[in-house]
Amino acid sequence: MLATSGACAVQALAVGGRAFGLQFHAEVDAPTLADWLSDPATAEALVLRLGEDGPARFTAAAHGHMGELNRAARQLYANFIALL
């Protein structure tokens, strides 16, 4: 196991040195986030988990960290490629 969270026991894993799995989306950008949040089920899940203002708070937090997330995603993928 490479990563874990309170919501998911296995967020990332490796099998040997060349097989990796991610249980999250490192590739998220603003258009993808907007598309996901346009799904009523996603918005409802955020309300259930975070409260009535959950979708708005989640969106604001995601946009606030988007640059850092995108830099980390590029590094993650570069590291995967370097292993090949």
Protein backbone atom coordinates (compact mmCIF):
# COMPACT_ATOMS: atom_id res chain seq x y z
CA MET A 1 0.00 0.00 0.00
CA LEU A 2 1.34 3.43 -0.94
CA ALA A 3 -1.37 5.77 0.37
CA THR A 4 -4.39 5.66 2.65
CA SER A 5 -7.05 8.04 3.98
CA GLY A 6 -9.81 8.06 6.53
CA ALA A 7 -12.34 7.55 3.74
CA CYS A 8 -10.49 4.75 1.92
CA ALA A 9 -8.07 2.22 3.39
CA VAL A 10 -6.18 1.86 0.10
CA GLN A 11 -5.81 5.04 -1.94
CA ALA A 12 -2.75 3.90 -3.91
CA LEU A 13 -0.96 0.59 -4.24
CA ALA A 14 1.90 -1.07 -6.04
CA VAL A 15 2.23 -4.66 -7.14
CA GLY A 16 5.87 -5.25 -7.82
CA GLY A 17 7.79 -2.40 -9.38
CA ARG A 18 5.68 -1.76 -12.46
CA ALA A 19 2.00 -2.12 -11.59
CA PHE A 20 0.31 0.73 -9.77
CA GLY A 21 -3.26 1.53 -8.88
CA LEU A 22 -4.84 4.78 -7.76
CA GLN A 23 -8.22 5.12 -6.06
CA PHE A 24 -8.33 8.87 -6.71
CA HIS A 25 -8.15 11.27 -9.63
CA ALA A 26 -4.80 13.03 -9.74
CA GLU A 27 -5.68 14.51 -13.14
CA VAL A 28 -8.43 16.84 -11.91
CA ASP A 29 -8.61 20.24 -13.55
CA ALA A 30 -11.23 22.99 -13.36
CA PRO A 31 -13.36 21.73 -16.31
CA THR A 32 -13.35 18.16 -14.97
CA LEU A 33 -14.33 19.37 -11.51
CA ALA A 34 -17.18 21.44 -12.94
CA ASP A 35 -18.40 18.43 -14.91
CA TRP A 36 -18.35 16.19 -11.83
CA LEU A 37 -20.17 18.78 -9.72
CA SER A 38 -22.89 19.16 -12.37
CA ASP A 39 -23.98 15.61 -11.51
CA PRO A 40 -26.84 15.85 -8.97
CA ALA A 41 -25.69 12.66 -7.22
CA THR A 42 -22.25 14.16 -6.62
CA ALA A 43 -23.72 17.36 -5.23
CA GLU A 44 -26.05 15.34 -3.00
CA ALA A 45 -23.14 13.25 -1.69
CA LEU A 46 -21.25 16.43 -0.82
CA VAL A 47 -24.30 17.79 1.01
CA LEU A 48 -24.65 14.55 2.98
CA ARG A 49 -20.96 14.47 3.87
CA LEU A 50 -20.23 18.18 4.35
CA GLY A 51 -23.58 19.87 4.98
CA GLU A 52 -25.80 22.15 2.91
CA ASP A 53 -22.93 24.36 1.79
CA GLY A 54 -20.75 21.32 1.08
CA PRO A 55 -20.67 21.65 -2.71
CA ALA A 56 -19.68 25.33 -2.53
CA ARG A 57 -17.04 24.72 0.16
CA PHE A 58 -15.64 21.73 -1.71
CA THR A 59 -15.46 23.72 -4.95
CA ALA A 60 -13.73 26.65 -3.27
CA ALA A 61 -11.21 24.37 -1.55
CA ALA A 62 -10.54 22.43 -4.75
CA HIS A 63 -9.92 25.60 -6.75
CA GLY A 64 -7.69 26.90 -3.96
CA HIS A 65 -5.49 23.81 -4.23
CA MET A 66 -5.80 23.18 -7.99
CA GLY A 67 -2.33 24.50 -8.90
CA GLU A 68 -0.65 22.40 -6.22
CA LEU A 69 -2.71 19.34 -7.19
CA ASN A 70 -1.84 19.73 -10.88
CA ARG A 71 1.89 20.08 -10.10
CA ALA A 72 1.76 16.98 -7.90
CA ALA A 73 -0.12 15.04 -10.60
CA ARG A 74 2.49 15.94 -13.24
CA GLN A 75 5.23 14.76 -10.86
CA LEU A 76 3.34 11.56 -10.05
CA TYR A 77 2.94 10.69 -13.74
CA ALA A 78 6.57 11.63 -14.47
CA ASN A 79 7.65 9.28 -11.69
CA PHE A 80 5.50 6.47 -13.12
CA ILE A 81 7.05 7.01 -16.56
CA ALA A 82 10.56 7.01 -15.10
CA LEU A 83 9.92 3.55 -13.69
CA LEU A 84 9.18 2.09 -17.12
